[in-house]
PDB file of N, CA and C in Angstrom:
ATOM      1  N   MET A   1       0.939  -1.623  -0.059  1.00  0.00           N
ATOM      2  CA  MET A   1       0.450  -0.072   0.416  1.00  0.00           C
ATOM      3  C   MET A   1       1.112   1.117   0.011  1.00  0.00           C
ATOM      4  N   PHE A   2       1.903   1.764   1.506  1.00  0.00           N
ATOM      5  CA  PHE A   2       2.373   2.760   1.595  1.00  0.00           C
ATOM      6  C   PHE A   2       3.611   2.779   0.006  1.00  0.00           C
ATOM      7  N   ARG A   3       3.995   1.469  -1.023  1.00  0.00           N
ATOM      8  CA  ARG A   3       4.775   1.459  -1.859  1.00  0.00           C
ATOM      9  C   ARG A   3       4.705   1.790  -3.469  1.00  0.00           C
ATOM     10  N   LYS A   4       3.072   1.758  -2.966  1.00  0.00           N
ATOM     11  CA  LYS A   4       2.019   2.289  -4.680  1.00  0.00           C
ATOM     12  C   LYS A   4       1.371   3.450  -3.949  1.00  0.00           C
ATOM     13  N   LEU A   5       1.453   3.938  -2.965  1.00  0.00           N
ATOM     14  CA  LEU A   5       1.148   5.396  -2.395  1.00  0.00           C
ATOM     15  C   LEU A   5       2.666   6.805  -2.990  1.00  0.00           C
ATOM     16  N   LEU A   6       4.003   6.251  -3.168  1.00  0.00           N
ATOM     17  CA  LEU A   6       5.216   5.929  -2.952  1.00  0.00           C
ATOM     18  C   LEU A   6       5.781   6.371  -3.965  1.00  0.00           C
ATOM     19  N   ILE A   7       5.297   5.727  -4.949  1.00  0.00           N
ATOM     20  CA  ILE A   7       4.752   5.426  -6.968  1.00  0.00           C
ATOM     21  C   ILE A   7       4.098   6.900  -7.559  1.00  0.00           C
ATOM     22  N   GLY A   8       2.925   6.646  -6.034  1.00  0.00           N
ATOM     23  CA  GLY A   8       1.995   7.529  -7.688  1.00  0.00           C
ATOM     24  C   GLY A   8       2.531   9.183  -6.919  1.00  0.00           C
ATOM     25  N   LEU A   9       2.609   9.335  -6.174  1.00  0.00           N
ATOM     26  CA  LEU A   9       3.169  11.233  -5.772  1.00  0.00           C
ATOM     27  C   LEU A   9       4.360  11.441  -6.601  1.00  0.00           C
ATOM     28  N   PHE A  10       5.403  10.131  -5.736  1.00  0.00           N
ATOM     29  CA  PHE A  10       5.911   9.754  -7.885  1.00  0.00           C
ATOM     30  C   PHE A  10       6.391  10.444  -9.331  1.00  0.00           C
ATOM     31  N   LEU A  11       5.179   9.623  -9.491  1.00  0.00           N
ATOM     32  CA  LEU A  11       4.908   9.924 -11.203  1.00  0.00           C
ATOM     33  C   LEU A  11       4.442  11.518 -10.654  1.00  0.00           C
ATOM     34  N   LEU A  12       2.866  11.923  -9.756  1.00  0.00           N
ATOM     35  CA  LEU A  12       2.749  13.050  -9.862  1.00  0.00           C
ATOM     36  C   LEU A  12       3.930  13.848  -9.755  1.00  0.00           C
ATOM     37  N   THR A  13       4.845  14.682  -9.266  1.00  0.00           N
ATOM     38  CA  THR A  13       5.542  15.059  -9.160  1.00  0.00           C
ATOM     39  C   THR A  13       5.880  15.100 -10.352  1.00  0.00           C
ATOM     40  N   SER A  14       6.687  14.299 -10.985  1.00  0.00           N
ATOM     41  CA  SER A  14       7.343  14.412 -12.006  1.00  0.00           C
ATOM     42  C   SER A  14       6.050  15.308 -13.281  1.00  0.00           C
ATOM     43  N   ILE A  15       5.711  14.542 -13.195  1.00  0.00           N
ATOM     44  CA  ILE A  15       4.123  14.840 -14.057  1.00  0.00           C
ATOM     45  C   ILE A  15       3.898  16.561 -14.434  1.00  0.00           C
ATOM     46  N   ASN A  16       4.282  17.162 -13.276  1.00  0.00           N
ATOM     47  CA  ASN A  16       4.239  18.747 -12.561  1.00  0.00           C
ATOM     48  C   ASN A  16       5.434  19.175 -12.412  1.00  0.00           C
ATOM     49  N   ALA A  17       6.433  18.629 -12.793  1.00  0.00           N
ATOM     50  CA  ALA A  17       7.592  18.847 -12.764  1.00  0.00           C
ATOM     51  C   ALA A  17       7.495  19.256 -14.425  1.00  0.00           C
ATOM     52  N   PHE A  18       7.089  17.760 -15.804  1.00  0.00           N
ATOM     53  CA  PHE A  18       7.162  18.532 -16.709  1.00  0.00           C
ATOM     54  C   PHE A  18       6.272  19.234 -17.206  1.00  0.00           C
ATOM     55  N   ALA A  19       5.263  19.610 -16.172  1.00  0.00           N
ATOM     56  CA  ALA A  19       4.135  20.441 -17.471  1.00  0.00           C
ATOM     57  C   ALA A  19       4.091  21.801 -16.648  1.00  0.00           C
ATOM     58  N   GLU A  20       4.742  22.310 -15.753  1.00  0.00           N
ATOM     59  CA  GLU A  20       4.989  23.299 -15.605  1.00  0.00           C
ATOM     60  C   GLU A  20       6.462  23.991 -16.914  1.00  0.00           C
ATOM     61  N   ASP A  21       5.240  24.754 -17.462  1.00  0.00           N
ATOM     62  CA  ASP A  21       5.765  25.400 -18.702  1.00  0.00           C
ATOM     63  C   ASP A  21       6.286  26.638 -18.405  1.00  0.00           C
ATOM     64  N   LYS A  22       7.413  26.574 -19.261  1.00  0.00           N
ATOM     65  CA  LYS A  22       8.698  28.078 -19.355  1.00  0.00           C
ATOM     66  C   LYS A  22       8.484  28.544 -20.607  1.00  0.00           C
ATOM     67  N   GLN A  23       7.247  29.517 -20.596  1.00  0.00           N
ATOM     68  CA  GLN A  23       6.651  29.810 -22.502  1.00  0.00           C
ATOM     69  C   GLN A  23       7.852  31.350 -22.839  1.00  0.00           C
ATOM     70  N   ASN A  24       7.656  31.405 -23.471  1.00  0.00           N
ATOM     71  CA  ASN A  24       9.305  32.577 -23.987  1.00  0.00           C
ATOM     72  C   ASN A  24       8.290  33.093 -24.605  1.00  0.00           C
ATOM     73  N   TYR A  25       7.403  34.912 -23.940  1.00  0.00           N
ATOM     74  CA  TYR A  25       6.939  35.699 -24.754  1.00  0.00           C
ATOM     75  C   TYR A  25       6.929  36.310 -25.566  1.00  0.00           C
ATOM     76  N   SER A  26       8.887  36.462 -26.262  1.00  0.00           N
ATOM     77  CA  SER A  26       9.482  37.772 -26.885  1.00  0.00           C
ATOM     78  C   SER A  26       9.118  38.295 -27.746  1.00  0.00           C
ATOM     79  N   GLY A  27       8.997  39.061 -28.379  1.00  0.00           N
ATOM     80  CA  GLY A  27       8.021  39.638 -29.821  1.00  0.00           C
ATOM     81  C   GLY A  27       7.851  40.286 -29.585  1.00  0.00           C
ATOM     82  N   THR A  28       7.124  41.214 -30.576  1.00  0.00           N
ATOM     83  CA  THR A  28       6.583  42.508 -30.636  1.00  0.00           C
ATOM     84  C   THR A  28       5.848  42.466 -30.209  1.00  0.00           C
ATOM     85  N   TYR A  29       4.950  42.610 -28.912  1.00  0.00           N
ATOM     86  CA  TYR A  29       3.069  43.654 -29.405  1.00  0.00           C
ATOM     87  C   TYR A  29       3.044  45.357 -29.560  1.00  0.00           C
ATOM     88  N   GLU A  30       2.069  45.959 -29.746  1.00  0.00           N
ATOM     89  CA  GLU A  30       1.846  46.835 -30.392  1.00  0.00           C
ATOM     90  C   GLU A  30       0.101  47.178 -29.991  1.00  0.00           C
ATOM     91  N   SER A  31      -0.301  48.399 -29.281  1.00  0.00           N
ATOM     92  CA  SER A  31      -1.406  48.773 -29.235  1.00  0.00           C
ATOM     93  C   SER A  31      -2.137  49.313 -30.333  1.00  0.00           C
ATOM     94  N   LYS A  32      -3.604  49.833 -29.913  1.00  0.00           N
ATOM     95  CA  LYS A  32      -4.154  50.666 -31.327  1.00  0.00           C
ATOM     96  C   LYS A  32      -3.297  51.966 -30.881  1.00  0.00           C
ATOM     97  N   SER A  33      -3.369  52.670 -30.013  1.00  0.00           N
ATOM     98  CA  SER A  33      -3.417  53.760 -30.242  1.00  0.00           C
ATOM     99  C   SER A  33      -2.038  53.970 -30.912  1.00  0.00           C
ATOM    100  N   GLY A  34      -1.030  52.801 -31.182  1.00  0.00           N
ATOM    101  CA  GLY A  34       0.345  53.077 -31.896  1.00  0.00           C
ATOM    102  C   GLY A  34       1.682  52.363 -30.765  1.00  0.00           C
ATOM    103  N   LEU A  35       1.594  52.459 -29.842  1.00  0.00           N
ATOM    104  CA  LEU A  35       2.953  51.995 -28.602  1.00  0.00           C
ATOM    105  C   LEU A  35       3.336  50.534 -29.468  1.00  0.00           C
ATOM    106  N   ILE A  36       5.165  50.542 -28.980  1.00  0.00           N
ATOM    107  CA  ILE A  36       5.205  49.363 -29.633  1.00  0.00           C
ATOM    108  C   ILE A  36       6.224  49.062 -28.629  1.00  0.00           C
ATOM    109  N   ILE A  37       5.591  47.608 -27.860  1.00  0.00           N
ATOM    110  CA  ILE A  37       6.386  47.215 -26.880  1.00  0.00           C
ATOM    111  C   ILE A  37       7.591  45.973 -27.645  1.00  0.00           C
ATOM    112  N   HIS A  38       8.574  45.788 -27.444  1.00  0.00           N
ATOM    113  CA  HIS A  38       9.403  45.098 -27.829  1.00  0.00           C
ATOM    114  C   HIS A  38      10.241  43.681 -26.944  1.00  0.00           C
ATOM    115  N   LEU A  39      10.497  42.922 -26.896  1.00  0.00           N
ATOM    116  CA  LEU A  39      10.399  41.755 -25.284  1.00  0.00           C
ATOM    117  C   LEU A  39      11.640  40.650 -26.363  1.00  0.00           C
ATOM    118  N   GLU A  40      12.593  40.812 -25.616  1.00  0.00           N
ATOM    119  CA  GLU A  40      13.561  39.742 -25.907  1.00  0.00           C
ATOM    120  C   GLU A  40      14.039  39.113 -24.961  1.00  0.00           C
ATOM    121  N   LYS A  41      13.991  37.741 -24.872  1.00  0.00           N
ATOM    122  CA  LYS A  41      14.036  36.954 -23.401  1.00  0.00           C
ATOM    123  C   LYS A  41      15.843  37.161 -23.300  1.00  0.00           C
ATOM    124  N   LEU A  42      15.989  36.984 -21.764  1.00  0.00           N
ATOM    125  CA  LEU A  42      17.803  37.006 -21.668  1.00  0.00           C
ATOM    126  C   LEU A  42      18.264  35.559 -21.438  1.00  0.00           C
ATOM    127  N   GLU A  43      19.150  35.198 -21.418  1.00  0.00           N
ATOM    128  CA  GLU A  43      19.217  33.573 -21.539  1.00  0.00           C
ATOM    129  C   GLU A  43      19.214  33.527 -20.291  1.00  0.00           C
ATOM    130  N   ASN A  44      18.693  31.842 -19.706  1.00  0.00           N
ATOM    131  CA  ASN A  44      18.137  31.008 -18.679  1.00  0.00           C
ATOM    132  C   ASN A  44      18.511  32.328 -17.490  1.00  0.00           C
ATOM    133  N   THR A  45      17.638  32.625 -18.366  1.00  0.00           N
ATOM    134  CA  THR A  45      16.370  34.009 -16.642  1.00  0.00           C
ATOM    135  C   THR A  45      15.924  33.728 -16.642  1.00  0.00           C
ATOM    136  N   ASP A  46      13.977  34.302 -15.606  1.00  0.00           N
ATOM    137  CA  ASP A  46      13.260  35.077 -16.611  1.00  0.00           C
ATOM    138  C   ASP A  46      13.027  36.408 -16.690  1.00  0.00           C
ATOM    139  N   GLU A  47      13.754  37.333 -16.910  1.00  0.00           N
ATOM    140  CA  GLU A  47      14.395  38.307 -17.540  1.00  0.00           C
ATOM    141  C   GLU A  47      14.181  38.478 -18.976  1.00  0.00           C
ATOM    142  N   TYR A  48      13.955  39.761 -19.055  1.00  0.00           N
ATOM    143  CA  TYR A  48      13.336  40.412 -20.545  1.00  0.00           C
ATOM    144  C   TYR A  48      13.712  41.754 -20.547  1.00  0.00           C
ATOM    145  N   LYS A  49      14.274  42.034 -21.946  1.00  0.00           N
ATOM    146  CA  LYS A  49      15.374  43.862 -22.256  1.00  0.00           C
ATOM    147  C   LYS A  49      13.350  43.784 -22.663  1.00  0.00           C
ATOM    148  N   TYR A  50      12.411  45.068 -21.742  1.00  0.00           N
ATOM    149  CA  TYR A  50      12.047  45.914 -21.903  1.00  0.00           C
ATOM    150  C   TYR A  50      12.155  47.016 -23.157  1.00  0.00           C
ATOM    151  N   THR A  51      11.660  47.196 -24.436  1.00  0.00           N
ATOM    152  CA  THR A  51      12.122  48.217 -25.191  1.00  0.00           C
ATOM    153  C   THR A  51      10.629  48.526 -25.357  1.00  0.00           C
ATOM    154  N   LEU A  52      10.247  49.780 -24.968  1.00  0.00           N
ATOM    155  CA  LEU A  52       9.022  50.710 -25.534  1.00  0.00           C
ATOM    156  C   LEU A  52       9.436  51.780 -26.260  1.00  0.00           C
ATOM    157  N   GLU A  53       8.541  51.776 -27.854  1.00  0.00           N
ATOM    158  CA  GLU A  53       8.675  52.355 -28.522  1.00  0.00           C
ATOM    159  C   GLU A  53       7.200  53.379 -28.090  1.00  0.00           C
ATOM    160  N   PHE A  54       8.189  55.210 -27.922  1.00  0.00           N
ATOM    161  CA  PHE A  54       6.443  55.430 -28.048  1.00  0.00           C
ATOM    162  C   PHE A  54       6.248  56.829 -29.100  1.00  0.00           C
ATOM    163  N   LEU A  55       7.441  57.028 -29.672  1.00  0.00           N
ATOM    164  CA  LEU A  55       7.083  57.339 -31.146  1.00  0.00           C
ATOM    165  C   LEU A  55       8.833  57.101 -31.822  1.00  0.00           C
ATOM    166  N   PRO A  56       8.314  56.990 -33.294  1.00  0.00           N
ATOM    167  CA  PRO A  56       9.330  56.928 -34.243  1.00  0.00           C
ATOM    168  C   PRO A  56      10.878  57.292 -33.725  1.00  0.00           C
ATOM    169  N   GLY A  57      11.602  56.646 -32.919  1.00  0.00           N
ATOM    170  CA  GLY A  57      13.556  56.641 -33.001  1.00  0.00           C
ATOM    171  C   GLY A  57      13.076  57.194 -31.574  1.00  0.00           C
ATOM    172  N   LYS A  58      11.721  57.444 -30.784  1.00  0.00           N
ATOM    173  CA  LYS A  58      11.802  57.909 -29.211  1.00  0.00           C
ATOM    174  C   LYS A  58      11.709  56.593 -28.364  1.00  0.00           C
ATOM    175  N   LYS A  59      12.314  55.878 -27.661  1.00  0.00           N
ATOM    176  CA  LYS A  59      12.103  54.315 -26.839  1.00  0.00           C
ATOM    177  C   LYS A  59      13.353  54.859 -25.269  1.00  0.00           C
ATOM    178  N   THR A  60      12.384  53.272 -24.948  1.00  0.00           N
ATOM    179  CA  THR A  60      12.889  53.613 -23.743  1.00  0.00           C
ATOM    180  C   THR A  60      13.182  51.751 -23.525  1.00  0.00           C
ATOM    181  N   VAL A  61      14.492  51.522 -22.787  1.00  0.00           N
ATOM    182  CA  VAL A  61      14.724  50.200 -22.621  1.00  0.00           C
ATOM    183  C   VAL A  61      15.569  50.277 -21.171  1.00  0.00           C
ATOM    184  N   SER A  62      14.212  48.624 -20.564  1.00  0.00           N
ATOM    185  CA  SER A  62      14.931  48.599 -19.552  1.00  0.00           C
ATOM    186  C   SER A  62      14.501  46.820 -19.669  1.00  0.00           C
ATOM    187  N   ILE A  63      15.014  46.296 -18.242  1.00  0.00           N
ATOM    188  CA  ILE A  63      15.344  44.726 -17.204  1.00  0.00           C
ATOM    189  C   ILE A  63      13.979  44.585 -17.227  1.00  0.00           C
ATOM    190  N   ALA A  64      13.445  44.044 -17.087  1.00  0.00           N
ATOM    191  CA  ALA A  64      11.807  43.274 -16.384  1.00  0.00           C
ATOM    192  C   ALA A  64      12.410  41.819 -16.234  1.00  0.00           C
ATOM    193  N   HIS A  65      11.697  41.841 -15.267  1.00  0.00           N
ATOM    194  CA  HIS A  65      11.736  39.858 -14.967  1.00  0.00           C
ATOM    195  C   HIS A  65      10.198  39.783 -14.759  1.00  0.00           C
ATOM    196  N   LEU A  66      10.018  38.951 -15.380  1.00  0.00           N
ATOM    197  CA  LEU A  66       8.820  37.469 -15.120  1.00  0.00           C
ATOM    198  C   LEU A  66       8.188  37.261 -13.574  1.00  0.00           C
ATOM    199  N   GLU A  67       7.413  37.234 -13.036  1.00  0.00           N
ATOM    200  CA  GLU A  67       7.126  36.362 -12.280  1.00  0.00           C
ATOM    201  C   GLU A  67       5.686  35.865 -12.601  1.00  0.00           C
ATOM    202  N   GLU A  68       5.767  34.407 -11.397  1.00  0.00           N
ATOM    203  CA  GLU A  68       4.485  33.812 -11.032  1.00  0.00           C
ATOM    204  C   GLU A  68       3.553  33.785 -12.946  1.00  0.00           C
ATOM    205  N   GLN A  69       5.348  33.041 -13.781  1.00  0.00           N
ATOM    206  CA  GLN A  69       4.672  32.692 -15.159  1.00  0.00           C
ATOM    207  C   GLN A  69       3.845  33.710 -16.272  1.00  0.00           C
ATOM    208  N   LYS A  70       3.219  34.612 -15.544  1.00  0.00           N
ATOM    209  CA  LYS A  70       2.833  36.438 -16.338  1.00  0.00           C
ATOM    210  C   LYS A  70       2.508  37.635 -15.863  1.00  0.00           C
ATOM    211  N   TYR A  71       4.290  37.969 -14.767  1.00  0.00           N
ATOM    212  CA  TYR A  71       3.500  39.080 -14.020  1.00  0.00           C
ATOM    213  C   TYR A  71       5.237  40.249 -14.829  1.00  0.00           C
ATOM    214  N   LEU A  72       5.500  40.602 -14.909  1.00  0.00           N
ATOM    215  CA  LEU A  72       6.386  41.582 -15.740  1.00  0.00           C
ATOM    216  C   LEU A  72       6.346  42.482 -14.472  1.00  0.00           C
ATOM    217  N   TYR A  73       7.588  42.810 -13.764  1.00  0.00           N
ATOM    218  CA  TYR A  73       8.385  44.000 -13.073  1.00  0.00           C
ATOM    219  C   TYR A  73       9.428  44.120 -13.532  1.00  0.00           C
ATOM    220  N   ASP A  74      10.285  45.738 -12.970  1.00  0.00           N
ATOM    221  CA  ASP A  74      10.858  46.153 -13.487  1.00  0.00           C
ATOM    222  C   ASP A  74      11.776  45.726 -12.244  1.00  0.00           C
ATOM    223  N   SER A  75      13.181  46.154 -12.107  1.00  0.00           N
ATOM    224  CA  SER A  75      14.249  46.581 -11.948  1.00  0.00           C
ATOM    225  C   SER A  75      13.729  46.749 -10.048  1.00  0.00           C
ATOM    226  N   LYS A  76      12.667  48.449 -10.280  1.00  0.00           N
ATOM    227  CA  LYS A  76      12.342  48.181  -8.371  1.00  0.00           C
ATOM    228  C   LYS A  76      11.501  48.002  -8.350  1.00  0.00           C
ATOM    229  N   LYS A  77      11.264  46.013  -9.012  1.00  0.00           N
ATOM    230  CA  LYS A  77       9.841  45.587  -8.463  1.00  0.00           C
ATOM    231  C   LYS A  77       8.161  47.292  -8.859  1.00  0.00           C
ATOM    232  N   ASN A  78       8.628  47.353  -9.551  1.00  0.00           N
ATOM    233  CA  ASN A  78       7.390  48.429 -10.435  1.00  0.00           C
ATOM    234  C   ASN A  78       6.575  47.506 -10.729  1.00  0.00           C
ATOM    235  N   PHE A  79       5.554  47.404 -10.818  1.00  0.00           N
ATOM    236  CA  PHE A  79       4.291  46.488 -11.952  1.00  0.00           C
ATOM    237  C   PHE A  79       4.399  47.050 -13.510  1.00  0.00           C
ATOM    238  N   ILE A  80       4.976  46.269 -14.453  1.00  0.00           N
ATOM    239  CA  ILE A  80       4.640  46.763 -15.682  1.00  0.00           C
ATOM    240  C   ILE A  80       3.357  46.286 -15.961  1.00  0.00           C
ATOM    241  N   GLY A  81       3.032  44.835 -16.185  1.00  0.00           N
ATOM    242  CA  GLY A  81       1.889  44.228 -16.926  1.00  0.00           C
ATOM    243  C   GLY A  81       1.919  43.266 -16.697  1.00  0.00           C
ATOM    244  N   GLU A  82       0.277  42.563 -17.250  1.00  0.00           N
ATOM    245  CA  GLU A  82       1.055  40.574 -16.929  1.00  0.00           C
ATOM    246  C   GLU A  82       0.163  40.524 -18.639  1.00  0.00           C
ATOM    247  N   PHE A  83       0.572  39.402 -19.308  1.00  0.00           N
ATOM    248  CA  PHE A  83       0.701  38.764 -20.392  1.00  0.00           C
ATOM    249  C   PHE A  83      -0.592  37.651 -20.222  1.00  0.00           C
ATOM    250  N   VAL A  84      -1.333  38.666 -20.812  1.00  0.00           N
ATOM    251  CA  VAL A  84      -2.780  37.379 -21.174  1.00  0.00           C
ATOM    252  C   VAL A  84      -3.009  36.989 -22.853  1.00  0.00           C
ATOM    253  N   GLU A  85      -4.298  36.060 -23.116  1.00  0.00           N
ATOM    254  CA  GLU A  85      -4.426  35.085 -23.615  1.00  0.00           C
ATOM    255  C   GLU A  85      -4.019  36.012 -25.033  1.00  0.00           C
ATOM    256  N   ASN A  86      -4.565  36.875 -25.862  1.00  0.00           N
ATOM    257  CA  ASN A  86      -4.011  37.195 -26.934  1.00  0.00           C
ATOM    258  C   ASN A  86      -3.023  38.543 -26.939  1.00  0.00           C
ATOM    259  N   GLY A  87      -2.409  38.256 -26.158  1.00  0.00           N
ATOM    260  CA  GLY A  87      -0.755  39.730 -25.878  1.00  0.00           C
ATOM    261  C   GLY A  87      -0.670  40.180 -24.345  1.00  0.00           C
ATOM    262  N   PHE A  88      -0.870  41.432 -24.077  1.00  0.00           N
ATOM    263  CA  PHE A  88       0.076  41.759 -23.162  1.00  0.00           C
ATOM    264  C   PHE A  88      -1.149  43.115 -22.466  1.00  0.00           C
ATOM    265  N   LYS A  89      -0.830  43.034 -21.403  1.00  0.00           N
ATOM    266  CA  LYS A  89      -1.911  44.062 -20.940  1.00  0.00           C
ATOM    267  C   LYS A  89      -1.421  44.921 -19.884  1.00  0.00           C
ATOM    268  N   ASN A  90      -0.374  45.801 -20.204  1.00  0.00           N
ATOM    269  CA  ASN A  90       0.036  46.910 -19.211  1.00  0.00           C
ATOM    270  C   ASN A  90      -0.620  48.125 -17.737  1.00  0.00           C
ATOM    271  N   SER A  91       0.307  48.419 -17.418  1.00  0.00           N
ATOM    272  CA  SER A  91      -0.403  48.316 -15.935  1.00  0.00           C
ATOM    273  C   SER A  91      -1.280  50.051 -15.542  1.00  0.00           C
ATOM    274  N   ARG A  92      -2.033  50.117 -17.126  1.00  0.00           N
ATOM    275  CA  ARG A  92      -3.052  50.323 -17.550  1.00  0.00           C
ATOM    276  C   ARG A  92      -3.967  49.890 -18.293  1.00  0.00           C
ATOM    277  N   ASP A  93      -3.679  49.155 -17.838  1.00  0.00           N
ATOM    278  CA  ASP A  93      -4.957  48.687 -18.836  1.00  0.00           C
ATOM    279  C   ASP A  93      -4.770  48.878 -20.354  1.00  0.00           C
ATOM    280  N   ALA A  94      -4.068  49.376 -20.442  1.00  0.00           N
ATOM    281  CA  ALA A  94      -4.277  49.278 -22.336  1.00  0.00           C
ATOM    282  C   ALA A  94      -3.380  47.766 -22.424  1.00  0.00           C
ATOM    283  N   ILE A  95      -4.328  47.487 -23.903  1.00  0.00           N
ATOM    284  CA  ILE A  95      -3.213  45.909 -24.804  1.00  0.00           C
ATOM    285  C   ILE A  95      -3.300  46.074 -25.795  1.00  0.00           C
ATOM    286  N   PHE A  96      -2.026  45.074 -25.465  1.00  0.00           N
ATOM    287  CA  PHE A  96      -1.156  44.649 -26.438  1.00  0.00           C
ATOM    288  C   PHE A  96      -1.022  43.362 -27.094  1.00  0.00           C
ATOM    289  N   ILE A  97      -0.805  43.779 -28.880  1.00  0.00           N
ATOM    290  CA  ILE A  97      -1.735  42.479 -29.284  1.00  0.00           C
ATOM    291  C   ILE A  97      -0.680  42.340 -30.182  1.00  0.00           C
ATOM    292  N   LYS A  98       0.151  40.464 -30.203  1.00  0.00           N
ATOM    293  CA  LYS A  98       1.442  40.090 -30.372  1.00  0.00           C
ATOM    294  C   LYS A  98       1.194  40.530 -31.140  1.00  0.00           C
ATOM    295  N   LYS A  99       2.890  40.755 -32.929  1.00  0.00           N
ATOM    296  CA  LYS A  99       2.440  40.674 -34.187  1.00  0.00           C
ATOM    297  C   LYS A  99       2.976  39.863 -34.239  1.00  0.00           C
TER     298      LYS A  99
END
């Protein structure tokens, strides 16, 4: 009985480890207002190079950290936004669609 329980627990934890999805959100996201976000994943981390282009040729660049598989924070732990089904929603509720 104990052996079956132990094997079942082992299989359950193994499946859970493989099911944990390390999604890559790299790409370009665009809002209806014309703002553009470029995300580039840094290797072997949960960090992204976050570039916000608000006018042609005018942009800000920072490093963003991914938490809980979908929330993006800057280096000062300020909330930037979250990844939703169709794209990215920033802290001001603007929706960015992935190109």
